[in-house]
Amino acid sequence: MPHLTTRELAVAALFTALLSVSAYIAVPVGSVPFTLQVYVVLLAGMALGPRLGALSVVAYLVLGLVAPVYSGGTSGLGVLFGPTGGYLLGFVLAAVVTGCLARGPHVGVPRLLIAGLAGLAPIYALGATWLAVQLHLSPSAALASGIAPFIWVDVLKAGAAALTAKALVSLPLGLPVASRKAR
């Protein structure tokens, strides 16, 4: 595994902080709250690529074990292994999937949107499965309470992440994804 530069660590840490802030605004919708976390996770994958995007999410999960950065200002193993824990773990895979699909020269908004929509799959798969196990729900009940209320807003978040990522990588910020085009 190649070593990380100071700039890469700083950018990953910035996205960890953004993910932490995005969790503080939580609107309860049944067993799973509505937050901006999905937007930031997808954006991290798009803007940082799979490796740094996943690193920023893993750092967030580790930080949440000791600091109140999970949804609604919660923290600890109980949250990570509670009903919403599958969604949190799905964030890591979402950043990887999104980052892999958003790679390449001349990536436009349509490709970024497809990458973002594909990134929703691991979040939903792990999240709804873990929700069903934790709350003893049938698969249809888990889908109804853990996915259906969020699909439309998550599609909007994927679109917003695609637009934001396109704008970010076109700026001279030295983001890892933008600097790969020059190589």
Protein backbone atom coordinates (compact mmCIF):
# COMPACT_ATOMS: atom_id res chain seq x y z
CA MET A 1 0.00 0.00 0.00
CA PRO A 2 1.45 3.38 -0.97
CA HIS A 3 2.14 5.84 1.79
CA LEU A 4 -0.25 8.70 2.34
CA THR A 5 0.99 12.24 1.92
CA THR A 6 0.30 14.95 4.45
CA ARG A 7 -2.09 16.58 1.99
CA GLU A 8 -4.02 13.31 1.52
CA LEU A 9 -4.30 12.81 5.28
CA ALA A 10 -5.47 16.40 5.72
CA VAL A 11 -8.13 16.08 3.01
CA ALA A 12 -9.35 12.77 4.45
CA ALA A 13 -9.50 14.37 7.90
CA LEU A 14 -11.49 17.27 6.46
CA PHE A 15 -14.06 14.85 5.06
CA THR A 16 -14.15 13.04 8.41
CA ALA A 17 -15.00 16.37 10.03
CA LEU A 18 -17.65 17.10 7.38
CA LEU A 19 -19.18 13.68 7.97
CA SER A 20 -19.24 14.34 11.71
CA VAL A 21 -21.00 17.68 11.25
CA SER A 22 -23.47 16.18 8.75
CA ALA A 23 -24.67 13.73 11.41
CA TYR A 24 -25.70 16.42 13.89
CA ILE A 25 -28.80 17.45 12.02
CA ALA A 26 -30.99 14.39 12.43
CA VAL A 27 -34.68 14.17 11.65
CA PRO A 28 -36.22 10.99 13.09
CA VAL A 29 -38.04 8.87 10.50
CA GLY A 30 -39.02 5.63 12.21
CA SER A 31 -36.02 3.58 13.35
CA VAL A 32 -33.49 5.36 11.12
CA PRO A 33 -32.98 9.15 11.23
CA PHE A 34 -32.63 11.37 8.16
CA THR A 35 -29.22 13.10 8.03
CA LEU A 36 -26.83 14.54 5.45
CA GLN A 37 -24.32 11.74 6.05
CA VAL A 38 -25.11 9.92 2.79
CA TYR A 39 -24.38 13.10 0.83
CA VAL A 40 -20.96 13.48 2.47
CA VAL A 41 -20.09 9.77 2.12
CA LEU A 42 -20.90 9.81 -1.60
CA LEU A 43 -19.05 13.10 -2.04
CA ALA A 44 -15.99 11.66 -0.25
CA GLY A 45 -15.89 8.73 -2.66
CA MET A 46 -16.32 10.98 -5.69
CA ALA A 47 -13.85 13.67 -4.66
CA LEU A 48 -11.24 11.58 -2.87
CA GLY A 49 -11.41 8.26 -4.66
CA PRO A 50 -12.00 4.85 -3.09
CA ARG A 51 -8.96 4.68 -0.82
CA LEU A 52 -9.11 8.13 0.79
CA GLY A 53 -12.91 8.18 0.74
CA ALA A 54 -13.00 4.92 2.70
CA LEU A 55 -10.25 6.17 5.02
CA SER A 56 -12.27 9.27 5.88
CA VAL A 57 -15.33 7.14 6.68
CA VAL A 58 -13.36 4.60 8.75
CA ALA A 59 -11.81 7.49 10.69
CA TYR A 60 -15.34 8.79 11.32
CA LEU A 61 -16.48 5.38 12.60
CA VAL A 62 -13.47 5.10 14.92
CA LEU A 63 -13.96 8.68 16.14
CA GLY A 64 -17.59 7.86 16.90
CA LEU A 65 -16.53 5.18 19.34
CA VAL A 66 -15.20 7.86 21.69
CA ALA A 67 -16.77 11.15 20.57
CA PRO A 68 -20.44 12.06 20.01
CA VAL A 69 -20.30 12.32 16.21
CA TYR A 70 -22.86 9.74 15.16
CA SER A 71 -26.38 10.74 14.20
CA GLY A 72 -27.96 13.10 16.71
CA GLY A 73 -24.74 13.45 18.72
CA THR A 74 -24.48 9.83 19.86
CA SER A 75 -21.37 7.67 20.18
CA GLY A 76 -20.04 4.31 21.28
CA LEU A 77 -20.17 0.64 20.42
CA GLY A 78 -23.87 0.54 21.23
CA VAL A 79 -24.60 2.83 18.29
CA LEU A 80 -22.19 1.06 15.95
CA PHE A 81 -23.79 -2.30 16.72
CA GLY A 82 -27.32 -0.96 17.25
CA PRO A 83 -30.15 -0.79 14.69
CA THR A 84 -28.42 1.84 12.53
CA GLY A 85 -24.99 0.21 12.66
CA GLY A 86 -25.40 -1.51 9.31
CA TYR A 87 -25.89 1.83 7.62
CA LEU A 88 -22.74 3.17 9.27
CA LEU A 89 -20.70 0.17 8.12
CA GLY A 90 -22.28 0.44 4.68
CA PHE A 91 -20.85 3.96 4.43
CA VAL A 92 -17.35 2.50 4.07
CA LEU A 93 -18.34 0.30 1.13
CA ALA A 94 -20.36 3.15 -0.37
CA ALA A 95 -17.27 5.39 -0.44
CA VAL A 96 -15.29 2.59 -2.12
CA VAL A 97 -17.97 1.79 -4.72
CA THR A 98 -18.60 5.44 -5.49
CA GLY A 99 -14.89 6.19 -5.66
CA CYS A 100 -14.18 3.29 -8.02
CA LEU A 101 -16.98 4.23 -10.40
CA ALA A 102 -16.11 7.95 -10.35
CA ARG A 103 -12.53 7.38 -11.52
CA GLY A 104 -11.14 8.13 -14.91
CA PRO A 105 -10.36 11.03 -17.17
CA HIS A 106 -13.08 13.49 -18.08
CA VAL A 107 -15.67 12.24 -15.61
CA GLY A 108 -18.91 14.16 -16.02
CA VAL A 109 -21.95 14.65 -13.87
CA PRO A 110 -23.89 11.70 -15.39
CA ARG A 111 -21.11 9.27 -14.49
CA LEU A 112 -20.79 10.80 -11.02
CA LEU A 113 -24.54 10.44 -10.54
CA ILE A 114 -24.39 6.77 -11.55
CA ALA A 115 -21.48 6.29 -9.12
CA GLY A 116 -23.51 7.93 -6.36
CA LEU A 117 -26.58 5.83 -7.03
CA ALA A 118 -24.45 2.68 -7.04
CA GLY A 119 -22.97 3.81 -3.73
CA LEU A 120 -26.42 3.69 -2.18
CA ALA A 121 -26.61 -0.09 -2.73
CA PRO A 122 -24.17 -1.14 0.02
CA ILE A 123 -25.70 1.37 2.44
CA TYR A 124 -29.17 -0.04 1.86
CA ALA A 125 -28.07 -3.68 1.75
CA LEU A 126 -26.06 -3.64 4.98
CA GLY A 127 -28.35 -1.15 6.69
CA ALA A 128 -31.67 -2.88 6.06
CA THR A 129 -30.19 -6.33 6.75
CA TRP A 130 -28.73 -5.23 10.07
CA LEU A 131 -31.92 -3.33 10.94
CA ALA A 132 -33.96 -6.50 10.33
CA VAL A 133 -31.64 -8.56 12.54
CA GLN A 134 -31.54 -6.02 15.36
CA LEU A 135 -35.27 -5.29 15.44
CA HIS A 136 -36.44 -8.77 14.41
CA LEU A 137 -38.17 -7.44 11.31
CA SER A 138 -39.24 -9.33 8.23
CA PRO A 139 -37.38 -8.39 5.04
CA SER A 140 -40.41 -6.49 3.77
CA ALA A 141 -40.75 -4.60 7.05
CA ALA A 142 -37.04 -3.72 6.98
CA LEU A 143 -37.41 -2.43 3.43
CA ALA A 144 -40.51 -0.45 4.36
CA SER A 145 -38.93 1.21 7.39
CA GLY A 146 -35.23 1.28 6.53
CA ILE A 147 -35.14 2.04 2.80
CA ALA A 148 -38.45 3.18 1.32
CA PRO A 149 -38.70 6.48 3.27
CA PHE A 150 -35.19 7.45 2.20
CA ILE A 151 -34.94 6.52 -1.49
CA TRP A 152 -36.19 9.76 -2.97
CA VAL A 153 -34.10 11.98 -0.72
CA ASP A 154 -31.00 9.79 -1.18
CA VAL A 155 -31.36 10.10 -4.96
CA LEU A 156 -31.38 13.88 -4.46
CA LYS A 157 -28.30 13.59 -2.23
CA ALA A 158 -26.53 11.53 -4.91
CA GLY A 159 -27.34 14.23 -7.46
CA ALA A 160 -26.16 16.99 -5.15
CA ALA A 161 -22.96 15.05 -4.41
CA ALA A 162 -22.34 14.60 -8.15
CA LEU A 163 -22.75 18.32 -8.81
CA THR A 164 -20.60 19.26 -5.82
CA ALA A 165 -17.88 16.76 -6.75
CA LYS A 166 -17.75 18.04 -10.33
CA ALA A 167 -17.35 21.58 -9.03
CA LEU A 168 -14.75 20.60 -6.42
CA VAL A 169 -12.49 18.60 -8.72
CA SER A 170 -12.50 21.40 -11.29
CA LEU A 171 -11.13 23.86 -8.71
CA PRO A 172 -7.38 24.09 -8.12
CA LEU A 173 -7.62 22.58 -4.63
CA GLY A 174 -5.29 19.65 -5.26
CA LEU A 175 -7.91 17.03 -4.49
CA PRO A 176 -6.60 13.51 -5.15
CA VAL A 177 -9.18 12.76 -7.87
CA ALA A 178 -8.46 16.03 -9.70
CA SER A 179 -4.69 15.54 -9.54
CA ARG A 180 -4.97 12.06 -11.08
CA LYS A 181 -6.17 13.61 -14.35
CA ALA A 182 -2.89 15.46 -14.76
CA ARG A 183 -0.78 12.29 -14.49
